């Protein structure tokens, strides 16, 4: 369990290198995953994604009892099968409110897996969990020349981030949790990026080769795009043209359309100009009224 993708990559590399052997156990997998989610606060939503490649399970106990426990604890479990459908996994998804899919081929598997990147929508009965406050802190980066000891892993490290609450230097990359006071440490961009799940990015459609002129420019990077050789995209909202690399950046990193953002800024400037013109018109009308009264 880690908030950084680098830790997940290292753990996956170790798992592939060691080549785990033995019979698969659905019950043991669910119990191990659930043990790491017991400390999740109430305002968060617990969710498990089970990737199944085996067509059987070897459990020491009753796996249905574990499924009932997950249901009572309101843990949402979704399943993506690689080899086929298992009744116990279908029952797991249905009882916990998750989804169950079986990948038909590699591209279908990528589509199913990418569909779980965004958090699921909360039901009206679950919105009461969002009323709890979450304490966060914005730490300062420590100079890499300073060395310190990490008591959690019994290792020496340099750099890190200083907790604004207790002053402890914490190793790793943001976001992370202070191992002394338990304060959640993150930066302001992390909070800003969390809102992209609430406001969806506008859709981009591929432009035809015969659409508009032969040569155009990407609105984001201003690179020349040729209709005969380049892949061009158009935003369905602002109707501007973008290159494929810029679309990937806006969807995966920026979580906004640069053309729509510029259009919103232009609209705000126009509204401000209209308000200023109205104020000037009101002032001139009051001045003419005063002069008419004096006359």
C-alpha atoms as a PDB file:
ATOM      1  CA  UNK A   1       0.000   0.000   0.000  1.00  0.00           C
ATOM      2  CA  UNK A   2       1.591   3.217  -1.175  1.00  0.00           C
ATOM      3  CA  UNK A   3       0.448   6.528  -2.723  1.00  0.00           C
ATOM      4  CA  UNK A   4       3.342   6.572  -5.214  1.00  0.00           C
ATOM      5  CA  UNK A   5       3.432   4.532  -8.414  1.00  0.00           C
ATOM      6  CA  UNK A   6       7.180   3.902  -8.063  1.00  0.00           C
ATOM      7  CA  UNK A   7       6.622   1.621  -5.066  1.00  0.00           C
ATOM      8  CA  UNK A   8       4.045  -0.374  -7.023  1.00  0.00           C
ATOM      9  CA  UNK A   9       6.434  -0.758  -9.960  1.00  0.00           C
ATOM     10  CA  UNK A  10       9.221  -2.042  -7.691  1.00  0.00           C
ATOM     11  CA  UNK A  11       6.892  -4.524  -5.962  1.00  0.00           C
ATOM     12  CA  UNK A  12       5.628  -5.826  -9.314  1.00  0.00           C
ATOM     13  CA  UNK A  13       9.189  -6.290 -10.542  1.00  0.00           C
ATOM     14  CA  UNK A  14      10.040  -8.292  -7.410  1.00  0.00           C
ATOM     15  CA  UNK A  15       6.904 -10.446  -7.821  1.00  0.00           C
ATOM     16  CA  UNK A  16       7.739 -11.203 -11.461  1.00  0.00           C
ATOM     17  CA  UNK A  17      11.363 -11.973 -10.632  1.00  0.00           C
ATOM     18  CA  UNK A  18      10.548 -14.384  -7.787  1.00  0.00           C
ATOM     19  CA  UNK A  19       7.861 -16.236  -9.828  1.00  0.00           C
ATOM     20  CA  UNK A  20       5.459 -17.177  -6.979  1.00  0.00           C
ATOM     21  CA  UNK A  21       4.506 -20.855  -6.907  1.00  0.00           C
ATOM     22  CA  UNK A  22       1.664 -22.850  -5.357  1.00  0.00           C
ATOM     23  CA  UNK A  23      -2.107 -23.024  -5.615  1.00  0.00           C
ATOM     24  CA  UNK A  24      -4.079 -19.747  -5.784  1.00  0.00           C
ATOM     25  CA  UNK A  25      -6.417 -18.888  -2.923  1.00  0.00           C
ATOM     26  CA  UNK A  26      -9.177 -16.331  -3.391  1.00  0.00           C
ATOM     27  CA  UNK A  27     -10.007 -16.299   0.306  1.00  0.00           C
ATOM     28  CA  UNK A  28      -6.414 -15.693   1.379  1.00  0.00           C
ATOM     29  CA  UNK A  29      -6.025 -12.915  -1.201  1.00  0.00           C
ATOM     30  CA  UNK A  30      -9.173 -11.148  -0.003  1.00  0.00           C
ATOM     31  CA  UNK A  31      -8.175 -11.483   3.651  1.00  0.00           C
ATOM     32  CA  UNK A  32      -4.700 -10.098   2.984  1.00  0.00           C
ATOM     33  CA  UNK A  33      -6.052  -7.152   0.987  1.00  0.00           C
ATOM     34  CA  UNK A  34      -8.759  -6.437   3.568  1.00  0.00           C
ATOM     35  CA  UNK A  35      -6.183  -6.430   6.394  1.00  0.00           C
ATOM     36  CA  UNK A  36      -4.468  -3.482   4.678  1.00  0.00           C
ATOM     37  CA  UNK A  37      -7.769  -1.577   4.384  1.00  0.00           C
ATOM     38  CA  UNK A  38      -8.864  -1.826   8.021  1.00  0.00           C
ATOM     39  CA  UNK A  39      -7.182   1.470   8.904  1.00  0.00           C
ATOM     40  CA  UNK A  40      -8.841   3.415   6.094  1.00  0.00           C
ATOM     41  CA  UNK A  41     -10.731   6.417   7.593  1.00  0.00           C
ATOM     42  CA  UNK A  42     -14.500   6.650   7.378  1.00  0.00           C
ATOM     43  CA  UNK A  43     -14.511   9.487   4.849  1.00  0.00           C
ATOM     44  CA  UNK A  44     -12.708   7.289   2.310  1.00  0.00           C
ATOM     45  CA  UNK A  45     -14.255   4.554   0.203  1.00  0.00           C
ATOM     46  CA  UNK A  46     -12.676   1.087   0.397  1.00  0.00           C
ATOM     47  CA  UNK A  47     -12.359  -0.684  -2.929  1.00  0.00           C
ATOM     48  CA  UNK A  48     -10.580  -3.837  -4.133  1.00  0.00           C
ATOM     49  CA  UNK A  49      -9.747  -4.861  -7.695  1.00  0.00           C
ATOM     50  CA  UNK A  50      -9.170  -8.595  -8.128  1.00  0.00           C
ATOM     51  CA  UNK A  51      -7.269  -9.731 -11.240  1.00  0.00           C
ATOM     52  CA  UNK A  52      -7.958 -13.450 -11.752  1.00  0.00           C
ATOM     53  CA  UNK A  53      -6.040 -15.656 -14.161  1.00  0.00           C
ATOM     54  CA  UNK A  54      -6.572 -19.079 -12.528  1.00  0.00           C
ATOM     55  CA  UNK A  55      -9.712 -21.148 -13.041  1.00  0.00           C
ATOM     56  CA  UNK A  56      -9.793 -22.552  -9.516  1.00  0.00           C
ATOM     57  CA  UNK A  57      -9.101 -21.754  -5.861  1.00  0.00           C
ATOM     58  CA  UNK A  58      -7.655 -23.627  -2.904  1.00  0.00           C
ATOM     59  CA  UNK A  59      -9.050 -22.184   0.330  1.00  0.00           C
ATOM     60  CA  UNK A  60      -8.608 -23.373   3.904  1.00  0.00           C
ATOM     61  CA  UNK A  61     -11.977 -21.988   5.028  1.00  0.00           C
ATOM     62  CA  UNK A  62     -15.285 -20.891   3.595  1.00  0.00           C
ATOM     63  CA  UNK A  63     -14.666 -18.112   1.075  1.00  0.00           C
ATOM     64  CA  UNK A  64     -18.345 -17.050   1.235  1.00  0.00           C
ATOM     65  CA  UNK A  65     -17.896 -16.042   4.885  1.00  0.00           C
ATOM     66  CA  UNK A  66     -15.099 -13.700   3.804  1.00  0.00           C
ATOM     67  CA  UNK A  67     -17.362 -12.254   1.093  1.00  0.00           C
ATOM     68  CA  UNK A  68     -20.086 -11.574   3.673  1.00  0.00           C
ATOM     69  CA  UNK A  69     -17.556  -9.836   5.912  1.00  0.00           C
ATOM     70  CA  UNK A  70     -16.452  -7.598   3.043  1.00  0.00           C
ATOM     71  CA  UNK A  71     -20.108  -6.804   2.334  1.00  0.00           C
ATOM     72  CA  UNK A  72     -20.737  -5.822   5.957  1.00  0.00           C
ATOM     73  CA  UNK A  73     -17.646  -3.632   6.019  1.00  0.00           C
ATOM     74  CA  UNK A  74     -18.852  -1.918   2.782  1.00  0.00           C
ATOM     75  CA  UNK A  75     -15.772  -2.856   0.741  1.00  0.00           C
ATOM     76  CA  UNK A  76     -16.517  -2.654  -2.983  1.00  0.00           C
ATOM     77  CA  UNK A  77     -14.850  -5.520  -4.885  1.00  0.00           C
ATOM     78  CA  UNK A  78     -14.500  -5.598  -8.672  1.00  0.00           C
ATOM     79  CA  UNK A  79     -13.126  -8.498 -10.723  1.00  0.00           C
ATOM     80  CA  UNK A  80     -11.356  -8.726 -14.083  1.00  0.00           C
ATOM     81  CA  UNK A  81     -10.951 -12.306 -15.274  1.00  0.00           C
ATOM     82  CA  UNK A  82      -8.247 -13.327 -17.731  1.00  0.00           C
ATOM     83  CA  UNK A  83      -9.033 -17.014 -18.286  1.00  0.00           C
ATOM     84  CA  UNK A  84     -12.767 -17.353 -17.687  1.00  0.00           C
ATOM     85  CA  UNK A  85     -15.639 -16.642 -15.298  1.00  0.00           C
ATOM     86  CA  UNK A  86     -15.760 -18.172 -11.820  1.00  0.00           C
ATOM     87  CA  UNK A  87     -19.029 -18.344  -9.893  1.00  0.00           C
ATOM     88  CA  UNK A  88     -17.390 -17.339  -6.618  1.00  0.00           C
ATOM     89  CA  UNK A  89     -15.881 -14.210  -8.180  1.00  0.00           C
ATOM     90  CA  UNK A  90     -19.193 -13.309  -9.830  1.00  0.00           C
ATOM     91  CA  UNK A  91     -20.848 -13.666  -6.418  1.00  0.00           C
ATOM     92  CA  UNK A  92     -18.114 -11.490  -4.866  1.00  0.00           C
ATOM     93  CA  UNK A  93     -18.766  -8.640  -7.296  1.00  0.00           C
ATOM     94  CA  UNK A  94     -22.558  -8.839  -7.076  1.00  0.00           C
ATOM     95  CA  UNK A  95     -22.739  -8.944  -3.262  1.00  0.00           C
ATOM     96  CA  UNK A  96     -20.267  -6.103  -2.692  1.00  0.00           C
ATOM     97  CA  UNK A  97     -21.629  -3.821  -5.420  1.00  0.00           C
ATOM     98  CA  UNK A  98     -18.657  -4.125  -7.767  1.00  0.00           C
ATOM     99  CA  UNK A  99     -18.326  -5.032 -11.432  1.00  0.00           C
ATOM    100  CA  UNK A 100     -17.280  -8.308 -13.037  1.00  0.00           C
ATOM    101  CA  UNK A 101     -15.749  -8.585 -16.508  1.00  0.00           C
ATOM    102  CA  UNK A 102     -13.810 -11.187 -18.468  1.00  0.00           C
ATOM    103  CA  UNK A 103     -11.176  -9.921 -20.885  1.00  0.00           C
ATOM    104  CA  UNK A 104     -11.593 -11.266 -24.428  1.00  0.00           C
ATOM    105  CA  UNK A 105      -8.110 -10.218 -25.608  1.00  0.00           C
ATOM    106  CA  UNK A 106      -5.180  -8.004 -24.604  1.00  0.00           C
ATOM    107  CA  UNK A 107      -6.688  -4.750 -25.888  1.00  0.00           C
ATOM    108  CA  UNK A 108      -9.976  -5.497 -24.128  1.00  0.00           C
ATOM    109  CA  UNK A 109      -8.027  -6.141 -20.921  1.00  0.00           C
ATOM    110  CA  UNK A 110      -6.339  -2.740 -21.180  1.00  0.00           C
ATOM    111  CA  UNK A 111      -9.723  -1.060 -21.664  1.00  0.00           C
ATOM    112  CA  UNK A 112     -11.205  -2.839 -18.631  1.00  0.00           C
ATOM    113  CA  UNK A 113      -8.204  -2.020 -16.471  1.00  0.00           C
ATOM    114  CA  UNK A 114      -8.150   1.653 -17.485  1.00  0.00           C
ATOM    115  CA  UNK A 115     -11.846   1.879 -16.577  1.00  0.00           C
ATOM    116  CA  UNK A 116     -10.895   1.427 -12.909  1.00  0.00           C
ATOM    117  CA  UNK A 117      -8.473   4.365 -12.818  1.00  0.00           C
ATOM    118  CA  UNK A 118     -11.202   6.828 -11.919  1.00  0.00           C
ATOM    119  CA  UNK A 119     -13.022   6.316  -8.604  1.00  0.00           C
ATOM    120  CA  UNK A 120     -16.648   5.144  -8.866  1.00  0.00           C
ATOM    121  CA  UNK A 121     -19.509   7.523  -8.197  1.00  0.00           C
ATOM    122  CA  UNK A 122     -20.856   7.546  -4.645  1.00  0.00           C
ATOM    123  CA  UNK A 123     -24.458   6.661  -3.954  1.00  0.00           C
ATOM    124  CA  UNK A 124     -26.752   9.048  -2.108  1.00  0.00           C
ATOM    125  CA  UNK A 125     -26.662   6.786   0.949  1.00  0.00           C
ATOM    126  CA  UNK A 126     -22.863   7.077   1.085  1.00  0.00           C
ATOM    127  CA  UNK A 127     -22.542  10.857   0.837  1.00  0.00           C
ATOM    128  CA  UNK A 128     -22.737  11.210   4.639  1.00  0.00           C
ATOM    129  CA  UNK A 129     -19.193   9.803   4.877  1.00  0.00           C
ATOM    130  CA  UNK A 130     -17.859  12.937   3.155  1.00  0.00           C
ATOM    131  CA  UNK A 131     -18.680  15.158   6.152  1.00  0.00           C
ATOM    132  CA  UNK A 132     -15.522  14.201   8.066  1.00  0.00           C
ATOM    133  CA  UNK A 133     -12.572  16.566   8.065  1.00  0.00           C
ATOM    134  CA  UNK A 134      -9.114  15.470   6.931  1.00  0.00           C
ATOM    135  CA  UNK A 135      -5.996  17.074   8.393  1.00  0.00           C
ATOM    136  CA  UNK A 136      -3.273  17.769   5.832  1.00  0.00           C
ATOM    137  CA  UNK A 137      -0.003  19.651   5.892  1.00  0.00           C
ATOM    138  CA  UNK A 138       2.188  21.284   3.281  1.00  0.00           C
ATOM    139  CA  UNK A 139       5.790  20.340   4.111  1.00  0.00           C
ATOM    140  CA  UNK A 140       9.037  22.016   3.142  1.00  0.00           C
ATOM    141  CA  UNK A 141      11.654  20.089   1.163  1.00  0.00           C
ATOM    142  CA  UNK A 142      14.819  19.320   3.152  1.00  0.00           C
ATOM    143  CA  UNK A 143      18.278  19.847   1.722  1.00  0.00           C
ATOM    144  CA  UNK A 144      19.696  16.629   0.241  1.00  0.00           C
ATOM    145  CA  UNK A 145      23.003  17.193   2.040  1.00  0.00           C
ATOM    146  CA  UNK A 146      21.355  16.533   5.435  1.00  0.00           C
ATOM    147  CA  UNK A 147      21.173  12.898   6.549  1.00  0.00           C
ATOM    148  CA  UNK A 148      18.667  11.388   8.967  1.00  0.00           C
ATOM    149  CA  UNK A 149      17.510   7.993  10.280  1.00  0.00           C
ATOM    150  CA  UNK A 150      14.187   6.419   9.328  1.00  0.00           C
ATOM    151  CA  UNK A 151      13.007   4.427  12.398  1.00  0.00           C
ATOM    152  CA  UNK A 152      10.186   2.785  10.457  1.00  0.00           C
ATOM    153  CA  UNK A 153      12.591   0.972   8.084  1.00  0.00           C
ATOM    154  CA  UNK A 154      15.819   1.249  10.179  1.00  0.00           C
ATOM    155  CA  UNK A 155      17.639   2.962   7.320  1.00  0.00           C
ATOM    156  CA  UNK A 156      19.615   6.153   6.734  1.00  0.00           C
ATOM    157  CA  UNK A 157      18.306   8.619   4.172  1.00  0.00           C
ATOM    158  CA  UNK A 158      19.053  12.113   2.924  1.00  0.00           C
ATOM    159  CA  UNK A 159      16.634  14.820   1.877  1.00  0.00           C
ATOM    160  CA  UNK A 160      12.925  14.251   2.343  1.00  0.00           C
ATOM    161  CA  UNK A 161      10.241  16.598   3.648  1.00  0.00           C
ATOM    162  CA  UNK A 162       9.832  18.313   7.015  1.00  0.00           C
ATOM    163  CA  UNK A 163       6.457  17.895   8.721  1.00  0.00           C
ATOM    164  CA  UNK A 164       4.963  21.325   9.532  1.00  0.00           C
ATOM    165  CA  UNK A 165       3.291  19.969  12.686  1.00  0.00           C
ATOM    166  CA  UNK A 166       6.027  18.102  14.557  1.00  0.00           C
ATOM    167  CA  UNK A 167       9.121  19.060  12.538  1.00  0.00           C
ATOM    168  CA  UNK A 168      10.058  15.462  11.705  1.00  0.00           C
ATOM    169  CA  UNK A 169      11.927  14.797   8.471  1.00  0.00           C
ATOM    170  CA  UNK A 170      10.049  12.140   6.488  1.00  0.00           C
ATOM    171  CA  UNK A 171      11.687  10.221   3.622  1.00  0.00           C
ATOM    172  CA  UNK A 172      10.079   9.503   0.281  1.00  0.00           C
ATOM    173  CA  UNK A 173       8.072  11.466  -2.247  1.00  0.00           C
ATOM    174  CA  UNK A 174       4.783  13.279  -1.780  1.00  0.00           C
ATOM    175  CA  UNK A 175       2.088  12.415  -0.906  1.00  0.00           C
ATOM    176  CA  UNK A 176       3.127  10.585   2.279  1.00  0.00           C
ATOM    177  CA  UNK A 177       2.219  10.302   5.963  1.00  0.00           C
ATOM    178  CA  UNK A 178       4.353  11.515   8.862  1.00  0.00           C
ATOM    179  CA  UNK A 179       5.432   8.454  10.862  1.00  0.00           C
ATOM    180  CA  UNK A 180       5.456  10.465  14.146  1.00  0.00           C
ATOM    181  CA  UNK A 181       2.204  12.483  14.246  1.00  0.00           C
ATOM    182  CA  UNK A 182       0.346  10.761  11.366  1.00  0.00           C
ATOM    183  CA  UNK A 183      -0.294  14.014   9.463  1.00  0.00           C
ATOM    184  CA  UNK A 184      -0.997  13.632   5.735  1.00  0.00           C
ATOM    185  CA  UNK A 185       1.702  15.496   3.827  1.00  0.00           C
ATOM    186  CA  UNK A 186       1.038  16.673   0.286  1.00  0.00           C
ATOM    187  CA  UNK A 187       1.431  19.641  -2.027  1.00  0.00           C
ATOM    188  CA  UNK A 188      -1.159  22.018  -3.428  1.00  0.00           C
ATOM    189  CA  UNK A 189      -1.021  20.455  -6.938  1.00  0.00           C
ATOM    190  CA  UNK A 190      -2.166  17.148  -5.431  1.00  0.00           C
ATOM    191  CA  UNK A 191      -5.320  18.829  -4.113  1.00  0.00           C
ATOM    192  CA  UNK A 192      -5.875  20.612  -7.412  1.00  0.00           C
ATOM    193  CA  UNK A 193      -5.496  17.404  -9.413  1.00  0.00           C
ATOM    194  CA  UNK A 194      -8.023  15.597  -7.195  1.00  0.00           C
ATOM    195  CA  UNK A 195     -10.842  17.737  -8.640  1.00  0.00           C
ATOM    196  CA  UNK A 196     -10.480  16.252 -12.125  1.00  0.00           C
ATOM    197  CA  UNK A 197     -12.656  13.327 -11.025  1.00  0.00           C
ATOM    198  CA  UNK A 198     -15.546  15.738 -10.408  1.00  0.00           C
ATOM    199  CA  UNK A 199     -15.258  17.700 -13.669  1.00  0.00           C
ATOM    200  CA  UNK A 200     -14.738  15.496 -16.701  1.00  0.00           C
ATOM    201  CA  UNK A 201     -12.296  16.402 -19.457  1.00  0.00           C
ATOM    202  CA  UNK A 202     -14.097  17.301 -22.717  1.00  0.00           C
ATOM    203  CA  UNK A 203     -14.051  14.623 -25.416  1.00  0.00           C
ATOM    204  CA  UNK A 204     -11.686  14.810 -28.388  1.00  0.00           C
ATOM    205  CA  UNK A 205     -12.683  13.415 -31.786  1.00  0.00           C
ATOM    206  CA  UNK A 206     -10.385  12.550 -34.672  1.00  0.00           C
ATOM    207  CA  UNK A 207     -10.624  14.989 -37.562  1.00  0.00           C
ATOM    208  CA  UNK A 208     -11.058  13.770 -41.123  1.00  0.00           C
ATOM    209  CA  UNK A 209      -8.329  14.349 -43.681  1.00  0.00           C
ATOM    210  CA  UNK A 210     -10.677  16.482 -45.762  1.00  0.00           C
ATOM    211  CA  UNK A 211     -11.853  18.592 -42.828  1.00  0.00           C
ATOM    212  CA  UNK A 212     -10.805  22.264 -43.019  1.00  0.00           C
ATOM    213  CA  UNK A 213      -7.488  23.267 -44.571  1.00  0.00           C
ATOM    214  CA  UNK A 214      -4.622  20.981 -45.521  1.00  0.00           C
ATOM    215  CA  UNK A 215      -2.190  22.539 -43.032  1.00  0.00           C
ATOM    216  CA  UNK A 216      -3.170  23.844 -39.601  1.00  0.00           C
ATOM    217  CA  UNK A 217      -1.561  24.549 -36.238  1.00  0.00           C
ATOM    218  CA  UNK A 218      -2.111  22.852 -32.899  1.00  0.00           C
ATOM    219  CA  UNK A 219      -3.713  25.283 -30.476  1.00  0.00           C
ATOM    220  CA  UNK A 220      -1.621  23.950 -27.589  1.00  0.00           C
ATOM    221  CA  UNK A 221       1.937  23.660 -28.986  1.00  0.00           C
ATOM    222  CA  UNK A 222       1.464  25.664 -32.217  1.00  0.00           C
ATOM    223  CA  UNK A 223       3.033  22.852 -34.266  1.00  0.00           C
ATOM    224  CA  UNK A 224       2.045  22.593 -37.910  1.00  0.00           C
ATOM    225  CA  UNK A 225      -0.328  19.669 -38.586  1.00  0.00           C
ATOM    226  CA  UNK A 226      -0.696  18.240 -42.074  1.00  0.00           C
ATOM    227  CA  UNK A 227      -3.980  16.511 -42.826  1.00  0.00           C
ATOM    228  CA  UNK A 228      -2.266  13.890 -44.994  1.00  0.00           C
ATOM    229  CA  UNK A 229       0.289  12.645 -42.454  1.00  0.00           C
ATOM    230  CA  UNK A 230      -0.595  13.916 -38.930  1.00  0.00           C
ATOM    231  CA  UNK A 231      -3.297  12.715 -36.561  1.00  0.00           C
ATOM    232  CA  UNK A 232      -5.475  15.678 -35.627  1.00  0.00           C
ATOM    233  CA  UNK A 233      -8.046  15.952 -32.846  1.00  0.00           C
ATOM    234  CA  UNK A 234     -10.828  18.454 -32.209  1.00  0.00           C
ATOM    235  CA  UNK A 235     -12.374  19.347 -28.854  1.00  0.00           C
ATOM    236  CA  UNK A 236     -16.145  18.915 -28.959  1.00  0.00           C
ATOM    237  CA  UNK A 237     -16.586  21.907 -26.640  1.00  0.00           C
ATOM    238  CA  UNK A 238     -14.262  24.665 -27.895  1.00  0.00           C
ATOM    239  CA  UNK A 239     -13.916  23.272 -31.485  1.00  0.00           C
ATOM    240  CA  UNK A 240     -10.135  23.840 -31.505  1.00  0.00           C
ATOM    241  CA  UNK A 241      -7.574  21.534 -33.137  1.00  0.00           C
ATOM    242  CA  UNK A 242      -4.846  19.678 -31.203  1.00  0.00           C
ATOM    243  CA  UNK A 243      -2.031  17.238 -31.882  1.00  0.00           C
ATOM    244  CA  UNK A 244      -2.132  13.671 -30.536  1.00  0.00           C
ATOM    245  CA  UNK A 245       0.692  14.276 -28.034  1.00  0.00           C
ATOM    246  CA  UNK A 246      -1.043  17.387 -26.683  1.00  0.00           C
ATOM    247  CA  UNK A 247      -4.310  15.481 -26.259  1.00  0.00           C
ATOM    248  CA  UNK A 248      -2.520  12.786 -24.253  1.00  0.00           C
ATOM    249  CA  UNK A 249      -0.929  15.445 -22.045  1.00  0.00           C
ATOM    250  CA  UNK A 250      -4.244  17.221 -21.416  1.00  0.00           C
ATOM    251  CA  UNK A 251      -6.110  14.000 -20.629  1.00  0.00           C
ATOM    252  CA  UNK A 252      -3.446  12.260 -18.522  1.00  0.00           C
ATOM    253  CA  UNK A 253      -1.650  15.177 -16.815  1.00  0.00           C
ATOM    254  CA  UNK A 254      -3.480  18.493 -17.175  1.00  0.00           C
ATOM    255  CA  UNK A 255      -7.031  17.094 -16.839  1.00  0.00           C
ATOM    256  CA  UNK A 256      -8.313  20.131 -18.724  1.00  0.00           C
ATOM    257  CA  UNK A 257      -8.575  21.339 -22.293  1.00  0.00           C
ATOM    258  CA  UNK A 258      -6.260  24.304 -22.881  1.00  0.00           C
ATOM    259  CA  UNK A 259      -8.628  25.718 -25.495  1.00  0.00           C
ATOM    260  CA  UNK A 260     -11.590  25.611 -23.117  1.00  0.00           C
ATOM    261  CA  UNK A 261      -9.526  27.272 -20.371  1.00  0.00           C
ATOM    262  CA  UNK A 262      -8.503  30.098 -22.701  1.00  0.00           C
ATOM    263  CA  UNK A 263     -12.106  30.484 -23.849  1.00  0.00           C
ATOM    264  CA  UNK A 264     -13.245  30.797 -20.221  1.00  0.00           C
ATOM    265  CA  UNK A 265     -10.597  33.464 -19.604  1.00  0.00           C
ATOM    266  CA  UNK A 266     -11.745  35.370 -22.692  1.00  0.00           C
ATOM    267  CA  UNK A 267     -15.359  35.206 -21.517  1.00  0.00           C
ATOM    268  CA  UNK A 268     -14.370  36.522 -18.094  1.00  0.00           C
ATOM    269  CA  UNK A 269     -12.450  39.403 -19.677  1.00  0.00           C
ATOM    270  CA  UNK A 270     -15.443  40.248 -21.890  1.00  0.00           C
ATOM    271  CA  UNK A 271     -17.766  40.191 -18.882  1.00  0.00           C
ATOM    272  CA  UNK A 272     -15.411  42.484 -16.964  1.00  0.00           C
ATOM    273  CA  UNK A 273     -15.253  44.886 -19.917  1.00  0.00           C
ATOM    274  CA  UNK A 274     -19.054  44.893 -20.196  1.00  0.00           C
ATOM    275  CA  UNK A 275     -19.383  45.591 -16.482  1.00  0.00           C
ATOM    276  CA  UNK A 276     -16.903  48.453 -16.751  1.00  0.00           C
ATOM    277  CA  UNK A 277     -18.804  49.904 -19.721  1.00  0.00           C
ATOM    278  CA  UNK A 278     -22.080  49.650 -17.799  1.00  0.00           C
ATOM    279  CA  UNK A 279     -20.533  51.400 -14.795  1.00  0.00           C
ATOM    280  CA  UNK A 280     -19.160  54.155 -17.019  1.00  0.00           C
ATOM    281  CA  UNK A 281     -22.567  54.493 -18.694  1.00  0.00           C
ATOM    282  CA  UNK A 282     -24.287  54.768 -15.311  1.00  0.00           C
ATOM    283  CA  UNK A 283     -21.787  57.394 -14.178  1.00  0.00           C
ATOM    284  CA  UNK A 284     -22.261  59.446 -17.357  1.00  0.00           C
ATOM    285  CA  UNK A 285     -26.058  59.232 -16.990  1.00  0.00           C
ATOM    286  CA  UNK A 286     -25.896  60.473 -13.398  1.00  0.00           C
ATOM    287  CA  UNK A 287     -23.645  63.343 -14.489  1.00  0.00           C
ATOM    288  CA  UNK A 288     -26.095  64.388 -17.249  1.00  0.00           C
ATOM    289  CA  UNK A 289     -28.983  64.222 -14.780  1.00  0.00           C
ATOM    290  CA  UNK A 290     -27.158  66.493 -12.364  1.00  0.00           C
ATOM    291  CA  UNK A 291     -26.418  68.977 -15.128  1.00  0.00           C
ATOM    292  CA  UNK A 292     -30.065  68.955 -16.270  1.00  0.00           C
ATOM    293  CA  UNK A 293     -31.202  69.621 -12.712  1.00  0.00           C
ATOM    294  CA  UNK A 294     -28.733  72.496 -12.371  1.00  0.00           C
ATOM    295  CA  UNK A 295     -30.003  73.988 -15.624  1.00  0.00           C
END
